[in-house]
Each structure stands twice: as structure tokens, then as C-alpha cells.
Amino acid sequence: MDNVKKVLNKEVANFAVLYIKLHNYHWFVKGKMFYTLHEKFEEFYDAVTGYYDEVAERLLMLGGRPAATMKEYLSLATIQEASGNETTEDMIKAIIQDFETINAELAEGVKAAADAGDEVTVDLFVTISSDLQKNVWMLKTLME
């Protein structure tokens, strides 16, 4: 179960960093796609808020202790903060990359949770993964 807790905590950190990053993009997106992306980035950070809380609460249910400070988030996260200088295209590419990174880690988490007999965490990871995969597809289509 320790491996499951480790994956859960890494994703708590990733969702915390991603939440801030998506706000940055929401506030600073410019150009022809401003209105569409401004709303989409808000939709994304609202969804990430839910993931962040659900993953942290699952970790608590398993007797773990979720990261809860920016210092912890930045040390555990596998995605990077926004620089503040991204173009609109850079923002979209970064979100695609972040969603793909998290999705790959969730797949590892599904295996770890299944091996531990933790079907609830499997379900949580699969549900989040499904959302992320759909968003990756939509963003890649936008970039074509």
C-alpha cells in the first residue's frame, strides 16, 4: 500500500502545481483564442480542484499524509510551474504535456492499486485518466 500512497501524494502535488499554472494561463492568455481559452482554462482548473481534493482525501483514507505546502508540492511534482512568459501556443502545449505526464503516472498508479487490491483507488485513477485523455485529444485537435 505504500506504493499507492506514494503515487497518490505525487498526484496531489501535481494537481496543486497544475491548479496554479492553469490560473496563470487563464489570467494571461492573449490573442485570437482569448475568449475560448480563458473559459477553457477556467474549466480545467475547476476540474483539477476536484481531482486535487479527491486524491488527497483518498490518501488520508489510506492513512497517508498528503503534501500541503508549496515547498512540498514543488519537491514532489513531476510537472513544472508556469514561467509567466508562455505564448498561447506554449500554454496549450504545456497543458497537453502535463495531462499526458499525469495520465502516464495514473496508469502506474492503477497497476499499483490493483496489485494492492485497492479497487477504490483504481476507480479514482481511471476516472481522472478518462477526463485527461479527452482533454488531451481536444487540445491536440485545437492545435491542428
N, C-alpha and C. Protein backbone atom coordinates (compact mmCIF):
# COMPACT_ATOMS: atom_id res chain seq x y z
N MET A 1 0.82 -1.20 0.00
CA MET A 1 0.00 0.00 0.00
C MET A 1 0.87 1.27 0.00
N ASP A 2 2.10 1.16 0.44
CA ASP A 2 2.98 2.33 0.46
C ASP A 2 3.19 2.90 -0.94
N ASN A 3 3.29 2.03 -1.93
CA ASN A 3 3.47 2.48 -3.31
C ASN A 3 2.24 3.27 -3.78
N VAL A 4 1.06 2.82 -3.40
CA VAL A 4 -0.18 3.52 -3.75
C VAL A 4 -0.19 4.91 -3.09
N LYS A 5 0.19 4.96 -1.84
CA LYS A 5 0.23 6.25 -1.13
C LYS A 5 1.23 7.21 -1.79
N LYS A 6 2.35 6.67 -2.24
CA LYS A 6 3.37 7.49 -2.90
C LYS A 6 2.82 8.10 -4.19
N VAL A 7 2.14 7.28 -4.98
CA VAL A 7 1.55 7.79 -6.24
C VAL A 7 0.47 8.82 -5.92
N LEU A 8 -0.37 8.54 -4.95
CA LEU A 8 -1.42 9.50 -4.58
C LEU A 8 -0.81 10.84 -4.18
N ASN A 9 0.25 10.81 -3.39
CA ASN A 9 0.85 12.07 -2.93
C ASN A 9 1.53 12.82 -4.07
N LYS A 10 2.14 12.09 -4.99
CA LYS A 10 2.74 12.75 -6.15
C LYS A 10 1.67 13.48 -6.96
N GLU A 11 0.50 12.84 -7.09
CA GLU A 11 -0.56 13.47 -7.86
C GLU A 11 -1.22 14.62 -7.10
N VAL A 12 -1.25 14.57 -5.79
CA VAL A 12 -1.68 15.74 -5.00
C VAL A 12 -0.79 16.92 -5.37
N ALA A 13 0.51 16.69 -5.38
CA ALA A 13 1.47 17.75 -5.71
C ALA A 13 1.28 18.22 -7.15
N ASN A 14 1.13 17.29 -8.08
CA ASN A 14 0.94 17.67 -9.48
C ASN A 14 -0.32 18.50 -9.66
N PHE A 15 -1.42 18.09 -9.03
CA PHE A 15 -2.66 18.84 -9.20
C PHE A 15 -2.57 20.22 -8.53
N ALA A 16 -1.84 20.34 -7.45
CA ALA A 16 -1.64 21.65 -6.83
C ALA A 16 -0.86 22.59 -7.76
N VAL A 17 0.23 22.08 -8.32
CA VAL A 17 1.03 22.89 -9.25
C VAL A 17 0.21 23.21 -10.50
N LEU A 18 -0.51 22.23 -11.01
CA LEU A 18 -1.31 22.44 -12.21
C LEU A 18 -2.42 23.46 -11.97
N TYR A 19 -3.03 23.45 -10.80
CA TYR A 19 -4.07 24.41 -10.46
C TYR A 19 -3.55 25.84 -10.58
N ILE A 20 -2.38 26.09 -10.01
CA ILE A 20 -1.77 27.43 -10.07
C ILE A 20 -1.38 27.76 -11.51
N LYS A 21 -0.82 26.81 -12.21
CA LYS A 21 -0.40 27.02 -13.60
C LYS A 21 -1.58 27.38 -14.49
N LEU A 22 -2.68 26.67 -14.31
CA LEU A 22 -3.87 26.94 -15.12
C LEU A 22 -4.46 28.31 -14.81
N HIS A 23 -4.37 28.74 -13.57
CA HIS A 23 -4.80 30.11 -13.24
C HIS A 23 -3.91 31.12 -13.95
N ASN A 24 -2.61 30.88 -13.93
CA ASN A 24 -1.68 31.76 -14.63
C ASN A 24 -2.09 31.88 -16.09
N TYR A 25 -2.33 30.76 -16.74
CA TYR A 25 -2.71 30.77 -18.15
C TYR A 25 -4.07 31.45 -18.36
N HIS A 26 -4.99 31.20 -17.48
CA HIS A 26 -6.33 31.82 -17.54
C HIS A 26 -6.22 33.35 -17.49
N TRP A 27 -5.35 33.84 -16.64
CA TRP A 27 -5.20 35.28 -16.48
C TRP A 27 -4.41 35.93 -17.61
N PHE A 28 -3.44 35.21 -18.17
CA PHE A 28 -2.51 35.85 -19.09
C PHE A 28 -2.63 35.42 -20.55
N VAL A 29 -3.59 34.57 -20.89
CA VAL A 29 -3.76 34.19 -22.29
C VAL A 29 -4.16 35.43 -23.10
N LYS A 30 -3.65 35.50 -24.32
CA LYS A 30 -3.92 36.65 -25.19
C LYS A 30 -4.17 36.13 -26.61
N GLY A 31 -4.66 37.01 -27.43
CA GLY A 31 -4.77 36.68 -28.85
C GLY A 31 -6.16 36.30 -29.29
N LYS A 32 -6.21 35.76 -30.51
CA LYS A 32 -7.47 35.45 -31.17
C LYS A 32 -8.31 34.42 -30.40
N MET A 33 -7.65 33.54 -29.70
CA MET A 33 -8.37 32.49 -28.98
C MET A 33 -8.61 32.85 -27.51
N PHE A 34 -8.42 34.13 -27.16
CA PHE A 34 -8.53 34.54 -25.76
C PHE A 34 -9.82 34.05 -25.12
N TYR A 35 -10.94 34.42 -25.69
CA TYR A 35 -12.21 34.12 -25.03
C TYR A 35 -12.40 32.62 -24.84
N THR A 36 -12.15 31.85 -25.87
CA THR A 36 -12.30 30.40 -25.81
C THR A 36 -11.36 29.79 -24.77
N LEU A 37 -10.09 30.17 -24.83
CA LEU A 37 -9.11 29.58 -23.92
C LEU A 37 -9.27 30.08 -22.49
N HIS A 38 -9.64 31.34 -22.33
CA HIS A 38 -9.88 31.89 -21.00
C HIS A 38 -10.93 31.02 -20.28
N GLU A 39 -12.00 30.72 -20.98
CA GLU A 39 -13.05 29.87 -20.40
C GLU A 39 -12.59 28.43 -20.22
N LYS A 40 -11.87 27.89 -21.19
CA LYS A 40 -11.41 26.50 -21.13
C LYS A 40 -10.42 26.31 -19.98
N PHE A 41 -9.50 27.26 -19.81
CA PHE A 41 -8.54 27.15 -18.71
C PHE A 41 -9.26 27.19 -17.36
N GLU A 42 -10.32 27.99 -17.25
CA GLU A 42 -11.11 28.02 -16.02
C GLU A 42 -11.80 26.66 -15.81
N GLU A 43 -12.34 26.10 -16.87
CA GLU A 43 -12.95 24.77 -16.78
C GLU A 43 -11.92 23.74 -16.30
N PHE A 44 -10.71 23.82 -16.83
CA PHE A 44 -9.66 22.90 -16.43
C PHE A 44 -9.30 23.06 -14.96
N TYR A 45 -9.10 24.31 -14.50
CA TYR A 45 -8.69 24.44 -13.10
C TYR A 45 -9.82 24.09 -12.14
N ASP A 46 -11.07 24.26 -12.56
CA ASP A 46 -12.18 23.79 -11.73
C ASP A 46 -12.14 22.26 -11.60
N ALA A 47 -11.90 21.57 -12.71
CA ALA A 47 -11.80 20.10 -12.68
C ALA A 47 -10.61 19.66 -11.84
N VAL A 48 -9.47 20.32 -12.01
CA VAL A 48 -8.27 19.98 -11.26
C VAL A 48 -8.50 20.16 -9.75
N THR A 49 -9.28 21.15 -9.37
CA THR A 49 -9.61 21.34 -7.96
C THR A 49 -10.27 20.08 -7.40
N GLY A 50 -11.19 19.52 -8.16
CA GLY A 50 -11.85 18.30 -7.73
C GLY A 50 -10.90 17.13 -7.62
N TYR A 51 -10.04 16.97 -8.63
CA TYR A 51 -9.07 15.87 -8.61
C TYR A 51 -8.15 16.00 -7.40
N TYR A 52 -7.66 17.20 -7.20
CA TYR A 52 -6.73 17.51 -6.11
C TYR A 52 -7.32 17.09 -4.76
N ASP A 53 -8.56 17.48 -4.53
CA ASP A 53 -9.21 17.17 -3.27
C ASP A 53 -9.52 15.67 -3.14
N GLU A 54 -10.02 15.05 -4.20
CA GLU A 54 -10.36 13.63 -4.15
C GLU A 54 -9.12 12.76 -3.91
N VAL A 55 -8.03 13.10 -4.57
CA VAL A 55 -6.80 12.32 -4.41
C VAL A 55 -6.24 12.49 -3.00
N ALA A 56 -6.25 13.73 -2.49
CA ALA A 56 -5.76 13.97 -1.12
C ALA A 56 -6.64 13.24 -0.10
N GLU A 57 -7.94 13.29 -0.30
CA GLU A 57 -8.83 12.61 0.65
C GLU A 57 -8.66 11.09 0.59
N ARG A 58 -8.42 10.56 -0.61
CA ARG A 58 -8.18 9.11 -0.71
C ARG A 58 -6.91 8.74 0.05
N LEU A 59 -5.89 9.56 -0.08
CA LEU A 59 -4.64 9.32 0.64
C LEU A 59 -4.88 9.34 2.15
N LEU A 60 -5.66 10.28 2.63
CA LEU A 60 -5.99 10.33 4.05
C LEU A 60 -6.76 9.09 4.48
N MET A 61 -7.68 8.61 3.65
CA MET A 61 -8.45 7.40 3.97
C MET A 61 -7.54 6.19 4.13
N LEU A 62 -6.43 6.19 3.40
CA LEU A 62 -5.49 5.07 3.46
C LEU A 62 -4.44 5.25 4.56
N GLY A 63 -4.60 6.30 5.35
CA GLY A 63 -3.67 6.53 6.45
C GLY A 63 -2.44 7.34 6.06
N GLY A 64 -2.46 7.91 4.86
CA GLY A 64 -1.34 8.73 4.41
C GLY A 64 -1.50 10.18 4.81
N ARG A 65 -0.49 10.96 4.49
CA ARG A 65 -0.49 12.38 4.81
C ARG A 65 -0.16 13.14 3.54
N PRO A 66 -1.19 13.78 2.93
CA PRO A 66 -0.93 14.49 1.68
C PRO A 66 -0.04 15.72 1.89
N ALA A 67 0.78 15.96 0.89
CA ALA A 67 1.56 17.21 0.87
C ALA A 67 0.57 18.37 0.97
N ALA A 68 0.98 19.42 1.67
CA ALA A 68 0.05 20.52 1.87
C ALA A 68 0.73 21.89 1.89
N THR A 69 1.96 21.95 1.40
CA THR A 69 2.65 23.25 1.30
C THR A 69 3.24 23.39 -0.11
N MET A 70 3.46 24.59 -0.52
CA MET A 70 4.05 24.82 -1.84
C MET A 70 5.43 24.16 -1.93
N LYS A 71 6.19 24.23 -0.87
CA LYS A 71 7.52 23.61 -0.87
C LYS A 71 7.40 22.10 -1.12
N GLU A 72 6.47 21.45 -0.44
CA GLU A 72 6.27 20.01 -0.65
C GLU A 72 5.80 19.74 -2.07
N TYR A 73 4.85 20.54 -2.55
CA TYR A 73 4.32 20.33 -3.90
C TYR A 73 5.43 20.39 -4.93
N LEU A 74 6.25 21.42 -4.83
CA LEU A 74 7.30 21.61 -5.83
C LEU A 74 8.37 20.53 -5.74
N SER A 75 8.57 19.97 -4.56
CA SER A 75 9.58 18.91 -4.43
C SER A 75 9.05 17.56 -4.93
N LEU A 76 7.75 17.33 -4.87
CA LEU A 76 7.16 16.06 -5.27
C LEU A 76 6.64 16.04 -6.71
N ALA A 77 6.25 17.20 -7.22
CA ALA A 77 5.59 17.27 -8.53
C ALA A 77 6.54 16.88 -9.66
N THR A 78 5.98 16.27 -10.66
CA THR A 78 6.73 15.91 -11.86
C THR A 78 6.41 16.85 -13.02
N ILE A 79 5.54 17.81 -12.77
CA ILE A 79 5.29 18.86 -13.76
C ILE A 79 5.87 20.16 -13.23
N GLN A 80 6.06 21.10 -14.13
CA GLN A 80 6.72 22.36 -13.78
C GLN A 80 5.73 23.51 -13.67
N GLU A 81 6.09 24.50 -12.88
CA GLU A 81 5.30 25.73 -12.80
C GLU A 81 5.33 26.45 -14.14
N ALA A 82 4.37 27.34 -14.34
CA ALA A 82 4.39 28.24 -15.50
C ALA A 82 5.52 29.24 -15.31
N SER A 83 6.12 29.67 -16.41
CA SER A 83 7.17 30.67 -16.32
C SER A 83 6.59 32.08 -16.28
N GLY A 84 5.39 32.23 -16.82
CA GLY A 84 4.78 33.55 -16.91
C GLY A 84 5.05 34.23 -18.24
N ASN A 85 5.84 33.59 -19.08
CA ASN A 85 6.20 34.18 -20.37
C ASN A 85 5.72 33.35 -21.55
N GLU A 86 4.83 32.38 -21.32
CA GLU A 86 4.38 31.50 -22.37
C GLU A 86 3.48 32.22 -23.39
N THR A 87 3.65 31.83 -24.64
CA THR A 87 2.71 32.25 -25.67
C THR A 87 1.47 31.38 -25.53
N THR A 88 0.42 31.73 -26.24
CA THR A 88 -0.79 30.92 -26.21
C THR A 88 -0.49 29.50 -26.66
N GLU A 89 0.28 29.35 -27.71
CA GLU A 89 0.64 28.02 -28.20
C GLU A 89 1.46 27.25 -27.16
N ASP A 90 2.38 27.95 -26.51
CA ASP A 90 3.18 27.32 -25.45
C ASP A 90 2.29 26.82 -24.31
N MET A 91 1.27 27.61 -23.97
CA MET A 91 0.35 27.23 -22.89
C MET A 91 -0.36 25.93 -23.24
N ILE A 92 -0.88 25.86 -24.46
CA ILE A 92 -1.61 24.67 -24.88
C ILE A 92 -0.68 23.46 -24.89
N LYS A 93 0.50 23.62 -25.44
CA LYS A 93 1.46 22.51 -25.48
C LYS A 93 1.84 22.05 -24.07
N ALA A 94 2.02 22.98 -23.16
CA ALA A 94 2.39 22.63 -21.78
C ALA A 94 1.26 21.87 -21.09
N ILE A 95 0.03 22.29 -21.31
CA ILE A 95 -1.10 21.59 -20.70
C ILE A 95 -1.21 20.17 -21.26
N ILE A 96 -1.05 20.03 -22.57
CA ILE A 96 -1.06 18.70 -23.16
C ILE A 96 0.01 17.83 -22.51
N GLN A 97 1.21 18.36 -22.41
CA GLN A 97 2.32 17.60 -21.80
C GLN A 97 2.02 17.25 -20.35
N ASP A 98 1.50 18.21 -19.60
CA ASP A 98 1.18 17.95 -18.19
C ASP A 98 0.10 16.89 -18.04
N PHE A 99 -0.94 16.99 -18.84
CA PHE A 99 -2.01 15.99 -18.79
C PHE A 99 -1.47 14.61 -19.17
N GLU A 100 -0.60 14.56 -20.17
CA GLU A 100 -0.02 13.27 -20.58
C GLU A 100 0.90 12.70 -19.50
N THR A 101 1.67 13.56 -18.86
CA THR A 101 2.54 13.12 -17.77
C THR A 101 1.72 12.53 -16.62
N ILE A 102 0.72 13.28 -16.20
CA ILE A 102 -0.13 12.81 -15.11
C ILE A 102 -0.85 11.53 -15.51
N ASN A 103 -1.32 11.48 -16.74
CA ASN A 103 -2.04 10.30 -17.21
C ASN A 103 -1.14 9.05 -17.17
N ALA A 104 0.11 9.19 -17.57
CA ALA A 104 1.04 8.07 -17.52
C ALA A 104 1.28 7.63 -16.07
N GLU A 105 1.39 8.58 -15.18
CA GLU A 105 1.58 8.25 -13.77
C GLU A 105 0.33 7.60 -13.17
N LEU A 106 -0.84 8.04 -13.62
CA LEU A 106 -2.08 7.41 -13.15
C LEU A 106 -2.14 5.95 -13.60
N ALA A 107 -1.65 5.67 -14.80
CA ALA A 107 -1.62 4.28 -15.28
C ALA A 107 -0.74 3.43 -14.36
N GLU A 108 0.40 3.98 -13.94
CA GLU A 108 1.26 3.27 -12.99
C GLU A 108 0.53 3.09 -11.65
N GLY A 109 -0.20 4.13 -11.27
CA GLY A 109 -0.97 4.07 -10.02
C GLY A 109 -2.08 3.03 -10.07
N VAL A 110 -2.71 2.87 -11.23
CA VAL A 110 -3.74 1.85 -11.40
C VAL A 110 -3.14 0.48 -11.15
N LYS A 111 -1.97 0.23 -11.72
CA LYS A 111 -1.31 -1.06 -11.52
C LYS A 111 -0.96 -1.27 -10.05
N ALA A 112 -0.39 -0.25 -9.42
CA ALA A 112 -0.01 -0.37 -8.01
C ALA A 112 -1.24 -0.61 -7.13
N ALA A 113 -2.32 0.12 -7.41
CA ALA A 113 -3.54 -0.04 -6.61
C ALA A 113 -4.18 -1.40 -6.86
N ALA A 114 -4.17 -1.85 -8.11
CA ALA A 114 -4.73 -3.18 -8.41
C ALA A 114 -3.92 -4.27 -7.71
N ASP A 115 -2.59 -4.14 -7.74
CA ASP A 115 -1.73 -5.12 -7.06
C ASP A 115 -1.98 -5.15 -5.55
N ALA A 116 -2.37 -3.98 -5.00
CA ALA A 116 -2.65 -3.88 -3.56
C ALA A 116 -4.09 -4.25 -3.23
N GLY A 117 -4.90 -4.56 -4.26
CA GLY A 117 -6.30 -4.89 -4.02
C GLY A 117 -7.15 -3.69 -3.67
N ASP A 118 -6.71 -2.50 -4.08
CA ASP A 118 -7.38 -1.25 -3.75
C ASP A 118 -8.21 -0.78 -4.96
N GLU A 119 -9.39 -1.36 -5.10
CA GLU A 119 -10.24 -1.06 -6.26
C GLU A 119 -10.77 0.37 -6.24
N VAL A 120 -10.92 0.96 -5.07
CA VAL A 120 -11.42 2.33 -4.99
C VAL A 120 -10.42 3.30 -5.62
N THR A 121 -9.14 3.12 -5.32
CA THR A 121 -8.12 3.97 -5.92
C THR A 121 -8.00 3.70 -7.41
N VAL A 122 -8.13 2.44 -7.81
CA VAL A 122 -8.13 2.10 -9.24
C VAL A 122 -9.23 2.91 -9.93
N ASP A 123 -10.43 2.88 -9.38
CA ASP A 123 -11.57 3.60 -9.97
C ASP A 123 -11.30 5.10 -10.04
N LEU A 124 -10.76 5.66 -8.98
CA LEU A 124 -10.45 7.09 -8.95
C LEU A 124 -9.47 7.45 -10.05
N PHE A 125 -8.40 6.68 -10.16
CA PHE A 125 -7.37 6.97 -11.18
C PHE A 125 -7.93 6.80 -12.59
N VAL A 126 -8.73 5.78 -12.82
CA VAL A 126 -9.29 5.55 -14.15
C VAL A 126 -10.25 6.69 -14.53
N THR A 127 -11.04 7.14 -13.59
CA THR A 127 -11.97 8.24 -13.85
C THR A 127 -11.22 9.52 -14.23
N ILE A 128 -10.21 9.86 -13.48
CA ILE A 128 -9.42 11.05 -13.78
C ILE A 128 -8.71 10.88 -15.11
N SER A 129 -8.15 9.72 -15.35
CA SER A 129 -7.44 9.45 -16.60
C SER A 129 -8.35 9.62 -17.80
N SER A 130 -9.57 9.17 -17.69
CA SER A 130 -10.53 9.31 -18.79
C SER A 130 -10.76 10.78 -19.13
N ASP A 131 -10.92 11.61 -18.12
CA ASP A 131 -11.09 13.05 -18.34
C ASP A 131 -9.85 13.66 -19.00
N LEU A 132 -8.67 13.31 -18.49
CA LEU A 132 -7.44 13.86 -19.03
C LEU A 132 -7.23 13.45 -20.48
N GLN A 133 -7.52 12.19 -20.80
CA GLN A 133 -7.37 11.73 -22.18
C GLN A 133 -8.28 12.50 -23.13
N LYS A 134 -9.49 12.74 -22.71
CA LYS A 134 -10.43 13.51 -23.55
C LYS A 134 -9.90 14.93 -23.77
N ASN A 135 -9.39 15.54 -22.71
CA ASN A 135 -8.88 16.91 -22.84
C ASN A 135 -7.63 16.97 -23.71
N VAL A 136 -6.77 15.97 -23.63
CA VAL A 136 -5.59 15.92 -24.50
C VAL A 136 -6.04 15.85 -25.96
N TRP A 137 -6.98 14.99 -26.24
CA TRP A 137 -7.50 14.86 -27.61
C TRP A 137 -8.06 16.20 -28.10
N MET A 138 -8.83 16.87 -27.27
CA MET A 138 -9.43 18.15 -27.67
C MET A 138 -8.36 19.21 -27.92
N LEU A 139 -7.38 19.28 -27.03
CA LEU A 139 -6.32 20.29 -27.20
C LEU A 139 -5.45 19.99 -28.42
N LYS A 140 -5.16 18.74 -28.65
CA LYS A 140 -4.37 18.39 -29.85
C LYS A 140 -5.15 18.72 -31.12
N THR A 141 -6.45 18.52 -31.09
CA THR A 141 -7.28 18.87 -32.24
C THR A 141 -7.27 20.38 -32.46
N LEU A 142 -7.30 21.12 -31.39
CA LEU A 142 -7.23 22.59 -31.48
C LEU A 142 -5.92 23.06 -32.12
N MET A 143 -4.85 22.33 -31.84
CA MET A 143 -3.53 22.72 -32.36
C MET A 143 -3.34 22.38 -33.84
N GLU A 144 -4.22 21.57 -34.42
CA GLU A 144 -4.05 21.17 -35.82
C GLU A 144 -4.34 22.34 -36.75
